[in-house]
Amino acid sequence: MPSAWEILECAGVPFGTREGPPRLASPEKLAAAVREVLDASTLSERQRVSLLAWLRAWASAWPSSFESTFAGAAEEFLRRAAEGVDDHGRYLKLRRLAREQLARVL
C-alpha cells in the first residue's frame, strides 16, 4: 500500500523523479493523504514547498475541481502547507511544474 506521500507524488506533487504520467487517486484518498502528511509534521522544507506549489497550482488553475476534491478542507490545506515556506524562488519553479503535471490529468 502506498504511503500518503507516494499518493501525492503519483498525483503530480513535484518532488523527485516519478515515472510515468501523474495519476489522481480518488478525492477521498487525496484529501486523506494531504491531511496525513500535514498532520505528521515531519515534512522537510523541500517537501512542504512541493506540496504547497501543487496545492496552489491546482487551486488557481482549476478552482472548482480543487474545491470539489478537498471540500471544506481546501483553505485549511493551503494555509497549513504555507507554514514555514520561505524559499519563494523554488516555490515558483515547482508551481509551474505542478501546473504542467496537473494539466495532464485534470
PDB file of N, CA and C in Angstrom:
ATOM      1  N   MET A   1       0.854  -1.170   0.000  1.00  0.00           N
ATOM      2  CA  MET A   1       0.000   0.000   0.000  1.00  0.00           C
ATOM      3  C   MET A   1       0.907   1.242   0.000  1.00  0.00           C
ATOM      4  N   PRO A   2       0.643   2.168  -0.922  1.00  0.00           N
ATOM      5  CA  PRO A   2       1.494   3.363  -0.992  1.00  0.00           C
ATOM      6  C   PRO A   2       1.290   4.280   0.215  1.00  0.00           C
ATOM      7  N   SER A   3       2.363   4.950   0.580  1.00  0.00           N
ATOM      8  CA  SER A   3       2.273   5.913   1.678  1.00  0.00           C
ATOM      9  C   SER A   3       1.529   7.154   1.202  1.00  0.00           C
ATOM     10  N   ALA A   4       1.163   7.996   2.138  1.00  0.00           N
ATOM     11  CA  ALA A   4       0.470   9.241   1.795  1.00  0.00           C
ATOM     12  C   ALA A   4       1.328  10.085   0.859  1.00  0.00           C
ATOM     13  N   TRP A   5       2.616  10.180   1.144  1.00  0.00           N
ATOM     14  CA  TRP A   5       3.488  10.985   0.286  1.00  0.00           C
ATOM     15  C   TRP A   5       3.575  10.385  -1.116  1.00  0.00           C
ATOM     16  N   GLU A   6       3.635   9.063  -1.220  1.00  0.00           N
ATOM     17  CA  GLU A   6       3.677   8.409  -2.534  1.00  0.00           C
ATOM     18  C   GLU A   6       2.405   8.673  -3.334  1.00  0.00           C
ATOM     19  N   ILE A   7       1.265   8.687  -2.670  1.00  0.00           N
ATOM     20  CA  ILE A   7      -0.001   9.009  -3.336  1.00  0.00           C
ATOM     21  C   ILE A   7       0.068  10.412  -3.920  1.00  0.00           C
ATOM     22  N   LEU A   8       0.628  11.347  -3.148  1.00  0.00           N
ATOM     23  CA  LEU A   8       0.726  12.732  -3.612  1.00  0.00           C
ATOM     24  C   LEU A   8       1.735  12.870  -4.745  1.00  0.00           C
ATOM     25  N   GLU A   9       2.842  12.182  -4.657  1.00  0.00           N
ATOM     26  CA  GLU A   9       3.810  12.223  -5.760  1.00  0.00           C
ATOM     27  C   GLU A   9       3.200  11.658  -7.038  1.00  0.00           C
ATOM     28  N   CYS A  10       2.458  10.573  -6.921  1.00  0.00           N
ATOM     29  CA  CYS A  10       1.787   9.996  -8.099  1.00  0.00           C
ATOM     30  C   CYS A  10       0.775  10.970  -8.687  1.00  0.00           C
ATOM     31  N   ALA A  11       0.203  11.812  -7.843  1.00  0.00           N
ATOM     32  CA  ALA A  11      -0.787  12.794  -8.292  1.00  0.00           C
ATOM     33  C   ALA A  11      -0.147  14.039  -8.900  1.00  0.00           C
ATOM     34  N   GLY A  12       1.174  14.114  -8.875  1.00  0.00           N
ATOM     35  CA  GLY A  12       1.860  15.212  -9.528  1.00  0.00           C
ATOM     36  C   GLY A  12       2.582  16.193  -8.639  1.00  0.00           C
ATOM     37  N   VAL A  13       2.646  15.942  -7.326  1.00  0.00           N
ATOM     38  CA  VAL A  13       3.443  16.819  -6.460  1.00  0.00           C
ATOM     39  C   VAL A  13       4.879  16.765  -6.974  1.00  0.00           C
ATOM     40  N   PRO A  14       5.449  17.922  -7.342  1.00  0.00           N
ATOM     41  CA  PRO A  14       6.766  17.938  -7.979  1.00  0.00           C
ATOM     42  C   PRO A  14       7.907  17.723  -6.984  1.00  0.00           C
ATOM     43  N   PHE A  15       8.216  16.461  -6.754  1.00  0.00           N
ATOM     44  CA  PHE A  15       9.257  16.113  -5.796  1.00  0.00           C
ATOM     45  C   PHE A  15       9.963  14.878  -6.315  1.00  0.00           C
ATOM     46  N   GLY A  16      11.233  14.981  -6.568  1.00  0.00           N
ATOM     47  CA  GLY A  16      11.981  13.820  -7.024  1.00  0.00           C
ATOM     48  C   GLY A  16      11.630  13.432  -8.450  1.00  0.00           C
ATOM     49  N   THR A  17      11.882  12.201  -8.756  1.00  0.00           N
ATOM     50  CA  THR A  17      11.602  11.705 -10.098  1.00  0.00           C
ATOM     51  C   THR A  17      10.546  10.620 -10.028  1.00  0.00           C
ATOM     52  N   ARG A  18       9.463  10.881 -10.671  1.00  0.00           N
ATOM     53  CA  ARG A  18       8.353   9.946 -10.716  1.00  0.00           C
ATOM     54  C   ARG A  18       8.283   9.412 -12.136  1.00  0.00           C
ATOM     55  N   GLU A  19       8.015   8.146 -12.293  1.00  0.00           N
ATOM     56  CA  GLU A  19       7.927   7.565 -13.621  1.00  0.00           C
ATOM     57  C   GLU A  19       6.490   7.585 -14.106  1.00  0.00           C
ATOM     58  N   GLY A  20       6.330   7.891 -15.382  1.00  0.00           N
ATOM     59  CA  GLY A  20       5.015   7.856 -15.997  1.00  0.00           C
ATOM     60  C   GLY A  20       4.206   9.105 -15.727  1.00  0.00           C
ATOM     61  N   PRO A  21       3.036   9.164 -16.349  1.00  0.00           N
ATOM     62  CA  PRO A  21       2.168  10.333 -16.167  1.00  0.00           C
ATOM     63  C   PRO A  21       1.551  10.348 -14.762  1.00  0.00           C
ATOM     64  N   PRO A  22       1.134  11.531 -14.317  1.00  0.00           N
ATOM     65  CA  PRO A  22       0.502  11.600 -12.998  1.00  0.00           C
ATOM     66  C   PRO A  22      -0.816  10.828 -12.993  1.00  0.00           C
ATOM     67  N   ARG A  23      -1.189  10.350 -11.817  1.00  0.00           N
ATOM     68  CA  ARG A  23      -2.453   9.632 -11.631  1.00  0.00           C
ATOM     69  C   ARG A  23      -3.091  10.150 -10.351  1.00  0.00           C
ATOM     70  N   LEU A  24      -4.301  10.618 -10.483  1.00  0.00           N
ATOM     71  CA  LEU A  24      -5.009  11.107  -9.301  1.00  0.00           C
ATOM     72  C   LEU A  24      -5.747   9.960  -8.633  1.00  0.00           C
ATOM     73  N   ALA A  25      -5.588   9.866  -7.343  1.00  0.00           N
ATOM     74  CA  ALA A  25      -6.379   8.928  -6.552  1.00  0.00           C
ATOM     75  C   ALA A  25      -7.776   9.540  -6.398  1.00  0.00           C
ATOM     76  N   SER A  26      -8.655   8.835  -5.760  1.00  0.00           N
ATOM     77  CA  SER A  26      -9.994   9.370  -5.507  1.00  0.00           C
ATOM     78  C   SER A  26      -9.873  10.628  -4.651  1.00  0.00           C
ATOM     79  N   PRO A  27     -10.876  11.506  -4.724  1.00  0.00           N
ATOM     80  CA  PRO A  27     -10.826  12.705  -3.877  1.00  0.00           C
ATOM     81  C   PRO A  27     -10.646  12.388  -2.399  1.00  0.00           C
ATOM     82  N   GLU A  28     -11.272  11.326  -1.946  1.00  0.00           N
ATOM     83  CA  GLU A  28     -11.151  10.953  -0.538  1.00  0.00           C
ATOM     84  C   GLU A  28      -9.711  10.579  -0.187  1.00  0.00           C
ATOM     85  N   LYS A  29      -9.067   9.796  -1.069  1.00  0.00           N
ATOM     86  CA  LYS A  29      -7.687   9.386  -0.816  1.00  0.00           C
ATOM     87  C   LYS A  29      -6.730  10.565  -0.906  1.00  0.00           C
ATOM     88  N   LEU A  30      -6.964  11.466  -1.860  1.00  0.00           N
ATOM     89  CA  LEU A  30      -6.102  12.642  -1.970  1.00  0.00           C
ATOM     90  C   LEU A  30      -6.208  13.509  -0.725  1.00  0.00           C
ATOM     91  N   ALA A  31      -7.441  13.781  -0.299  1.00  0.00           N
ATOM     92  CA  ALA A  31      -7.641  14.616   0.892  1.00  0.00           C
ATOM     93  C   ALA A  31      -7.020  13.945   2.120  1.00  0.00           C
ATOM     94  N   ALA A  32      -7.206  12.640   2.245  1.00  0.00           N
ATOM     95  CA  ALA A  32      -6.630  11.923   3.385  1.00  0.00           C
ATOM     96  C   ALA A  32      -5.103  11.971   3.338  1.00  0.00           C
ATOM     97  N   ALA A  33      -4.525  11.859   2.152  1.00  0.00           N
ATOM     98  CA  ALA A  33      -3.066  11.901   2.023  1.00  0.00           C
ATOM     99  C   ALA A  33      -2.520  13.278   2.393  1.00  0.00           C
ATOM    100  N   VAL A  34      -3.183  14.340   1.926  1.00  0.00           N
ATOM    101  CA  VAL A  34      -2.735  15.694   2.276  1.00  0.00           C
ATOM    102  C   VAL A  34      -2.834  15.893   3.781  1.00  0.00           C
ATOM    103  N   ARG A  35      -3.951  15.516   4.347  1.00  0.00           N
ATOM    104  CA  ARG A  35      -4.129  15.676   5.796  1.00  0.00           C
ATOM    105  C   ARG A  35      -3.070  14.885   6.569  1.00  0.00           C
ATOM    106  N   GLU A  36      -2.811  13.665   6.130  1.00  0.00           N
ATOM    107  CA  GLU A  36      -1.841  12.825   6.839  1.00  0.00           C
ATOM    108  C   GLU A  36      -0.438  13.437   6.810  1.00  0.00           C
ATOM    109  N   VAL A  37       0.005  13.918   5.650  1.00  0.00           N
ATOM    110  CA  VAL A  37       1.365  14.475   5.603  1.00  0.00           C
ATOM    111  C   VAL A  37       1.441  15.793   6.367  1.00  0.00           C
ATOM    112  N   LEU A  38       0.375  16.575   6.358  1.00  0.00           N
ATOM    113  CA  LEU A  38       0.389  17.824   7.136  1.00  0.00           C
ATOM    114  C   LEU A  38       0.325  17.548   8.633  1.00  0.00           C
ATOM    115  N   ASP A  39      -0.425  16.530   9.023  1.00  0.00           N
ATOM    116  CA  ASP A  39      -0.532  16.187  10.444  1.00  0.00           C
ATOM    117  C   ASP A  39       0.750  15.553  10.989  1.00  0.00           C
ATOM    118  N   ALA A  40       1.503  14.889  10.121  1.00  0.00           N
ATOM    119  CA  ALA A  40       2.707  14.182  10.570  1.00  0.00           C
ATOM    120  C   ALA A  40       3.791  15.138  11.051  1.00  0.00           C
ATOM    121  N   SER A  41       3.800  16.348  10.564  1.00  0.00           N
ATOM    122  CA  SER A  41       4.790  17.355  10.959  1.00  0.00           C
ATOM    123  C   SER A  41       6.223  16.905  10.718  1.00  0.00           C
ATOM    124  N   THR A  42       6.425  15.977   9.814  1.00  0.00           N
ATOM    125  CA  THR A  42       7.773  15.517   9.526  1.00  0.00           C
ATOM    126  C   THR A  42       8.200  15.889   8.112  1.00  0.00           C
ATOM    127  N   LEU A  43       7.465  16.786   7.486  1.00  0.00           N
ATOM    128  CA  LEU A  43       7.826  17.209   6.138  1.00  0.00           C
ATOM    129  C   LEU A  43       9.101  18.036   6.158  1.00  0.00           C
ATOM    130  N   SER A  44       9.983  17.733   5.241  1.00  0.00           N
ATOM    131  CA  SER A  44      11.150  18.593   5.072  1.00  0.00           C
ATOM    132  C   SER A  44      10.680  19.891   4.424  1.00  0.00           C
ATOM    133  N   GLU A  45      11.512  20.914   4.447  1.00  0.00           N
ATOM    134  CA  GLU A  45      11.117  22.165   3.795  1.00  0.00           C
ATOM    135  C   GLU A  45      10.881  21.927   2.312  1.00  0.00           C
ATOM    136  N   ARG A  46      11.711  21.110   1.701  1.00  0.00           N
ATOM    137  CA  ARG A  46      11.552  20.808   0.278  1.00  0.00           C
ATOM    138  C   ARG A  46      10.209  20.134   0.000  1.00  0.00           C
ATOM    139  N   GLN A  47       9.807  19.199   0.838  1.00  0.00           N
ATOM    140  CA  GLN A  47       8.511  18.548   0.666  1.00  0.00           C
ATOM    141  C   GLN A  47       7.377  19.553   0.858  1.00  0.00           C
ATOM    142  N   ARG A  48       7.515  20.406   1.865  1.00  0.00           N
ATOM    143  CA  ARG A  48       6.472  21.394   2.137  1.00  0.00           C
ATOM    144  C   ARG A  48       6.317  22.363   0.967  1.00  0.00           C
ATOM    145  N   VAL A  49       7.428  22.828   0.389  1.00  0.00           N
ATOM    146  CA  VAL A  49       7.376  23.728  -0.767  1.00  0.00           C
ATOM    147  C   VAL A  49       6.730  23.017  -1.949  1.00  0.00           C
ATOM    148  N   SER A  50       7.072  21.757  -2.149  1.00  0.00           N
ATOM    149  CA  SER A  50       6.494  20.977  -3.249  1.00  0.00           C
ATOM    150  C   SER A  50       4.995  20.809  -3.080  1.00  0.00           C
ATOM    151  N   LEU A  51       4.569  20.466  -1.875  1.00  0.00           N
ATOM    152  CA  LEU A  51       3.146  20.294  -1.603  1.00  0.00           C
ATOM    153  C   LEU A  51       2.402  21.613  -1.776  1.00  0.00           C
ATOM    154  N   LEU A  52       2.948  22.699  -1.238  1.00  0.00           N
ATOM    155  CA  LEU A  52       2.301  23.999  -1.375  1.00  0.00           C
ATOM    156  C   LEU A  52       2.181  24.402  -2.843  1.00  0.00           C
ATOM    157  N   ALA A  53       3.241  24.198  -3.617  1.00  0.00           N
ATOM    158  CA  ALA A  53       3.210  24.543  -5.037  1.00  0.00           C
ATOM    159  C   ALA A  53       2.114  23.763  -5.760  1.00  0.00           C
ATOM    160  N   TRP A  54       1.980  22.496  -5.450  1.00  0.00           N
ATOM    161  CA  TRP A  54       0.967  21.648  -6.084  1.00  0.00           C
ATOM    162  C   TRP A  54      -0.452  22.093  -5.690  1.00  0.00           C
ATOM    163  N   LEU A  55      -0.651  22.320  -4.402  1.00  0.00           N
ATOM    164  CA  LEU A  55      -1.971  22.750  -3.946  1.00  0.00           C
ATOM    165  C   LEU A  55      -2.356  24.103  -4.554  1.00  0.00           C
ATOM    166  N   ARG A  56      -1.433  25.054  -4.538  1.00  0.00           N
ATOM    167  CA  ARG A  56      -1.754  26.380  -5.082  1.00  0.00           C
ATOM    168  C   ARG A  56      -1.925  26.360  -6.596  1.00  0.00           C
ATOM    169  N   ALA A  57      -1.143  25.551  -7.289  1.00  0.00           N
ATOM    170  CA  ALA A  57      -1.313  25.436  -8.743  1.00  0.00           C
ATOM    171  C   ALA A  57      -2.705  24.910  -9.063  1.00  0.00           C
ATOM    172  N   TRP A  58      -3.136  23.905  -8.341  1.00  0.00           N
ATOM    173  CA  TRP A  58      -4.458  23.322  -8.559  1.00  0.00           C
ATOM    174  C   TRP A  58      -5.536  24.344  -8.200  1.00  0.00           C
ATOM    175  N   ALA A  59      -5.397  24.995  -7.066  1.00  0.00           N
ATOM    176  CA  ALA A  59      -6.405  25.952  -6.608  1.00  0.00           C
ATOM    177  C   ALA A  59      -6.546  27.132  -7.560  1.00  0.00           C
ATOM    178  N   SER A  60      -5.447  27.592  -8.136  1.00  0.00           N
ATOM    179  CA  SER A  60      -5.533  28.773  -9.001  1.00  0.00           C
ATOM    180  C   SER A  60      -5.957  28.432 -10.422  1.00  0.00           C
ATOM    181  N   ALA A  61      -5.534  27.301 -10.951  1.00  0.00           N
ATOM    182  CA  ALA A  61      -5.850  26.970 -12.340  1.00  0.00           C
ATOM    183  C   ALA A  61      -7.180  26.226 -12.488  1.00  0.00           C
ATOM    184  N   TRP A  62      -7.553  25.440 -11.505  1.00  0.00           N
ATOM    185  CA  TRP A  62      -8.791  24.658 -11.560  1.00  0.00           C
ATOM    186  C   TRP A  62      -9.532  24.792 -10.228  1.00  0.00           C
ATOM    187  N   PRO A  63     -10.006  25.993  -9.908  1.00  0.00           N
ATOM    188  CA  PRO A  63     -10.582  26.230  -8.577  1.00  0.00           C
ATOM    189  C   PRO A  63     -11.794  25.366  -8.242  1.00  0.00           C
ATOM    190  N   SER A  64     -12.683  25.125  -9.192  1.00  0.00           N
ATOM    191  CA  SER A  64     -13.857  24.318  -8.855  1.00  0.00           C
ATOM    192  C   SER A  64     -13.468  22.854  -8.636  1.00  0.00           C
ATOM    193  N   SER A  65     -12.519  22.346  -9.413  1.00  0.00           N
ATOM    194  CA  SER A  65     -12.034  20.987  -9.207  1.00  0.00           C
ATOM    195  C   SER A  65     -11.333  20.869  -7.853  1.00  0.00           C
ATOM    196  N   PHE A  66     -10.522  21.867  -7.530  1.00  0.00           N
ATOM    197  CA  PHE A  66      -9.812  21.875  -6.249  1.00  0.00           C
ATOM    198  C   PHE A  66     -10.809  21.868  -5.095  1.00  0.00           C
ATOM    199  N   GLU A  67     -11.787  22.740  -5.182  1.00  0.00           N
ATOM    200  CA  GLU A  67     -12.787  22.853  -4.116  1.00  0.00           C
ATOM    201  C   GLU A  67     -13.600  21.573  -3.982  1.00  0.00           C
ATOM    202  N   SER A  68     -13.978  20.966  -5.099  1.00  0.00           N
ATOM    203  CA  SER A  68     -14.779  19.735  -5.000  1.00  0.00           C
ATOM    204  C   SER A  68     -13.939  18.562  -4.499  1.00  0.00           C
ATOM    205  N   THR A  69     -12.656  18.548  -4.811  1.00  0.00           N
ATOM    206  CA  THR A  69     -11.791  17.453  -4.348  1.00  0.00           C
ATOM    207  C   THR A  69     -11.524  17.561  -2.855  1.00  0.00           C
ATOM    208  N   PHE A  70     -11.226  18.776  -2.382  1.00  0.00           N
ATOM    209  CA  PHE A  70     -10.831  18.934  -0.987  1.00  0.00           C
ATOM    210  C   PHE A  70     -11.925  19.507  -0.105  1.00  0.00           C
ATOM    211  N   ALA A  71     -13.064  19.809  -0.701  1.00  0.00           N
ATOM    212  CA  ALA A  71     -14.264  20.258   0.013  1.00  0.00           C
ATOM    213  C   ALA A  71     -13.949  21.293   1.088  1.00  0.00           C
ATOM    214  N   GLY A  72     -14.437  21.091   2.281  1.00  0.00           N
ATOM    215  CA  GLY A  72     -14.273  22.060   3.354  1.00  0.00           C
ATOM    216  C   GLY A  72     -12.849  22.216   3.862  1.00  0.00           C
ATOM    217  N   ALA A  73     -11.939  21.346   3.456  1.00  0.00           N
ATOM    218  CA  ALA A  73     -10.561  21.406   3.950  1.00  0.00           C
ATOM    219  C   ALA A  73      -9.640  22.183   3.013  1.00  0.00           C
ATOM    220  N   ALA A  74     -10.118  22.650   1.880  1.00  0.00           N
ATOM    221  CA  ALA A  74      -9.269  23.280   0.865  1.00  0.00           C
ATOM    222  C   ALA A  74      -8.461  24.448   1.429  1.00  0.00           C
ATOM    223  N   GLU A  75      -9.105  25.391   2.054  1.00  0.00           N
ATOM    224  CA  GLU A  75      -8.405  26.562   2.600  1.00  0.00           C
ATOM    225  C   GLU A  75      -7.472  26.184   3.746  1.00  0.00           C
ATOM    226  N   GLU A  76      -7.904  25.238   4.557  1.00  0.00           N
ATOM    227  CA  GLU A  76      -7.052  24.772   5.660  1.00  0.00           C
ATOM    228  C   GLU A  76      -5.764  24.158   5.116  1.00  0.00           C
ATOM    229  N   PHE A  77      -5.885  23.335   4.068  1.00  0.00           N
ATOM    230  CA  PHE A  77      -4.705  22.701   3.482  1.00  0.00           C
ATOM    231  C   PHE A  77      -3.752  23.748   2.924  1.00  0.00           C
ATOM    232  N   LEU A  78      -4.281  24.748   2.226  1.00  0.00           N
ATOM    233  CA  LEU A  78      -3.433  25.805   1.676  1.00  0.00           C
ATOM    234  C   LEU A  78      -2.709  26.554   2.793  1.00  0.00           C
ATOM    235  N   ARG A  79      -3.440  26.898   3.834  1.00  0.00           N
ATOM    236  CA  ARG A  79      -2.851  27.641   4.956  1.00  0.00           C
ATOM    237  C   ARG A  79      -1.778  26.821   5.659  1.00  0.00           C
ATOM    238  N   ARG A  80      -2.085  25.578   5.970  1.00  0.00           N
ATOM    239  CA  ARG A  80      -1.135  24.741   6.704  1.00  0.00           C
ATOM    240  C   ARG A  80       0.098  24.407   5.876  1.00  0.00           C
ATOM    241  N   ALA A  81      -0.080  24.193   4.589  1.00  0.00           N
ATOM    242  CA  ALA A  81       1.070  23.881   3.727  1.00  0.00           C
ATOM    243  C   ALA A  81       2.009  25.074   3.618  1.00  0.00           C
ATOM    244  N   ALA A  82       1.472  26.292   3.708  1.00  0.00           N
ATOM    245  CA  ALA A  82       2.291  27.503   3.566  1.00  0.00           C
ATOM    246  C   ALA A  82       3.126  27.805   4.804  1.00  0.00           C
ATOM    247  N   GLU A  83       2.802  27.207   5.928  1.00  0.00           N
ATOM    248  CA  GLU A  83       3.535  27.481   7.166  1.00  0.00           C
ATOM    249  C   GLU A  83       5.002  27.091   7.019  1.00  0.00           C
ATOM    250  N   GLY A  84       5.876  28.032   7.232  1.00  0.00           N
ATOM    251  CA  GLY A  84       7.305  27.763   7.201  1.00  0.00           C
ATOM    252  C   GLY A  84       7.943  27.731   5.823  1.00  0.00           C
ATOM    253  N   VAL A  85       7.195  28.095   4.775  1.00  0.00           N
ATOM    254  CA  VAL A  85       7.779  28.116   3.428  1.00  0.00           C
ATOM    255  C   VAL A  85       8.398  29.482   3.191  1.00  0.00           C
ATOM    256  N   ASP A  86       9.719  29.488   3.011  1.00  0.00           N
ATOM    257  CA  ASP A  86      10.439  30.749   2.818  1.00  0.00           C
ATOM    258  C   ASP A  86      11.146  30.839   1.474  1.00  0.00           C
ATOM    259  N   ASP A  87      11.277  29.729   0.766  1.00  0.00           N
ATOM    260  CA  ASP A  87      12.027  29.708  -0.491  1.00  0.00           C
ATOM    261  C   ASP A  87      11.092  29.988  -1.661  1.00  0.00           C
ATOM    262  N   HIS A  88      10.867  31.276  -1.940  1.00  0.00           N
ATOM    263  CA  HIS A  88       9.904  31.649  -2.975  1.00  0.00           C
ATOM    264  C   HIS A  88      10.407  31.357  -4.377  1.00  0.00           C
ATOM    265  N   GLY A  89      11.709  31.367  -4.597  1.00  0.00           N
ATOM    266  CA  GLY A  89      12.255  31.016  -5.902  1.00  0.00           C
ATOM    267  C   GLY A  89      11.959  29.568  -6.242  1.00  0.00           C
ATOM    268  N   ARG A  90      12.226  28.681  -5.308  1.00  0.00           N
ATOM    269  CA  ARG A  90      11.929  27.259  -5.511  1.00  0.00           C
ATOM    270  C   ARG A  90      10.429  27.051  -5.664  1.00  0.00           C
ATOM    271  N   TYR A  91       9.654  27.739  -4.840  1.00  0.00           N
ATOM    272  CA  TYR A  91       8.197  27.604  -4.903  1.00  0.00           C
ATOM    273  C   TYR A  91       7.671  27.937  -6.299  1.00  0.00           C
ATOM    274  N   LEU A  92       8.110  29.047  -6.886  1.00  0.00           N
ATOM    275  CA  LEU A  92       7.608  29.453  -8.194  1.00  0.00           C
ATOM    276  C   LEU A  92       7.947  28.429  -9.274  1.00  0.00           C
ATOM    277  N   LYS A  93       9.158  27.900  -9.238  1.00  0.00           N
ATOM    278  CA  LYS A  93       9.550  26.882 -10.209  1.00  0.00           C
ATOM    279  C   LYS A  93       8.691  25.628 -10.026  1.00  0.00           C
ATOM    280  N   LEU A  94       8.513  25.191  -8.796  1.00  0.00           N
ATOM    281  CA  LEU A  94       7.739  23.982  -8.539  1.00  0.00           C
ATOM    282  C   LEU A  94       6.261  24.168  -8.864  1.00  0.00           C
ATOM    283  N   ARG A  95       5.754  25.373  -8.680  1.00  0.00           N
ATOM    284  CA  ARG A  95       4.344  25.623  -9.016  1.00  0.00           C
ATOM    285  C   ARG A  95       4.125  25.458 -10.519  1.00  0.00           C
ATOM    286  N   ARG A  96       5.067  25.943 -11.309  1.00  0.00           N
ATOM    287  CA  ARG A  96       4.958  25.775 -12.763  1.00  0.00           C
ATOM    288  C   ARG A  96       4.981  24.291 -13.123  1.00  0.00           C
ATOM    289  N   LEU A  97       5.889  23.539 -12.521  1.00  0.00           N
ATOM    290  CA  LEU A  97       5.960  22.106 -12.775  1.00  0.00           C
ATOM    291  C   LEU A  97       4.678  21.392 -12.332  1.00  0.00           C
ATOM    292  N   ALA A  98       4.152  21.788 -11.179  1.00  0.00           N
ATOM    293  CA  ALA A  98       2.919  21.182 -10.674  1.00  0.00           C
ATOM    294  C   ALA A  98       1.752  21.451 -11.614  1.00  0.00           C
ATOM    295  N   ARG A  99       1.663  22.675 -12.125  1.00  0.00           N
ATOM    296  CA  ARG A  99       0.577  23.016 -13.048  1.00  0.00           C
ATOM    297  C   ARG A  99       0.676  22.165 -14.314  1.00  0.00           C
ATOM    298  N   GLU A 100       1.886  21.946 -14.812  1.00  0.00           N
ATOM    299  CA  GLU A 100       2.085  21.112 -16.004  1.00  0.00           C
ATOM    300  C   GLU A 100       1.630  19.675 -15.729  1.00  0.00           C
ATOM    301  N   GLN A 101       1.963  19.153 -14.555  1.00  0.00           N
ATOM    302  CA  GLN A 101       1.549  17.793 -14.203  1.00  0.00           C
ATOM    303  C   GLN A 101       0.036  17.696 -14.059  1.00  0.00           C
ATOM    304  N   LEU A 102      -0.550  18.661 -13.372  1.00  0.00           N
ATOM    305  CA  LEU A 102      -1.998  18.633 -13.166  1.00  0.00           C
ATOM    306  C   LEU A 102      -2.759  18.793 -14.472  1.00  0.00           C
ATOM    307  N   ALA A 103      -2.216  19.562 -15.406  1.00  0.00           N
ATOM    308  CA  ALA A 103      -2.883  19.767 -16.699  1.00  0.00           C
ATOM    309  C   ALA A 103      -3.010  18.439 -17.461  1.00  0.00           C
ATOM    310  N   ARG A 104      -2.171  17.503 -17.146  1.00  0.00           N
ATOM    311  CA  ARG A 104      -2.220  16.206 -17.811  1.00  0.00           C
ATOM    312  C   ARG A 104      -3.341  15.308 -17.291  1.00  0.00           C
ATOM    313  N   VAL A 105      -3.860  15.615 -16.101  1.00  0.00           N
ATOM    314  CA  VAL A 105      -4.883  14.738 -15.509  1.00  0.00           C
ATOM    315  C   VAL A 105      -6.192  15.436 -15.176  1.00  0.00           C
ATOM    316  N   LEU A 106      -6.216  16.761 -15.205  1.00  0.00           N
ATOM    317  CA  LEU A 106      -7.464  17.465 -14.868  1.00  0.00           C
ATOM    318  C   LEU A 106      -8.153  17.982 -16.114  1.00  0.00           C
TER     319      LEU A 106
END
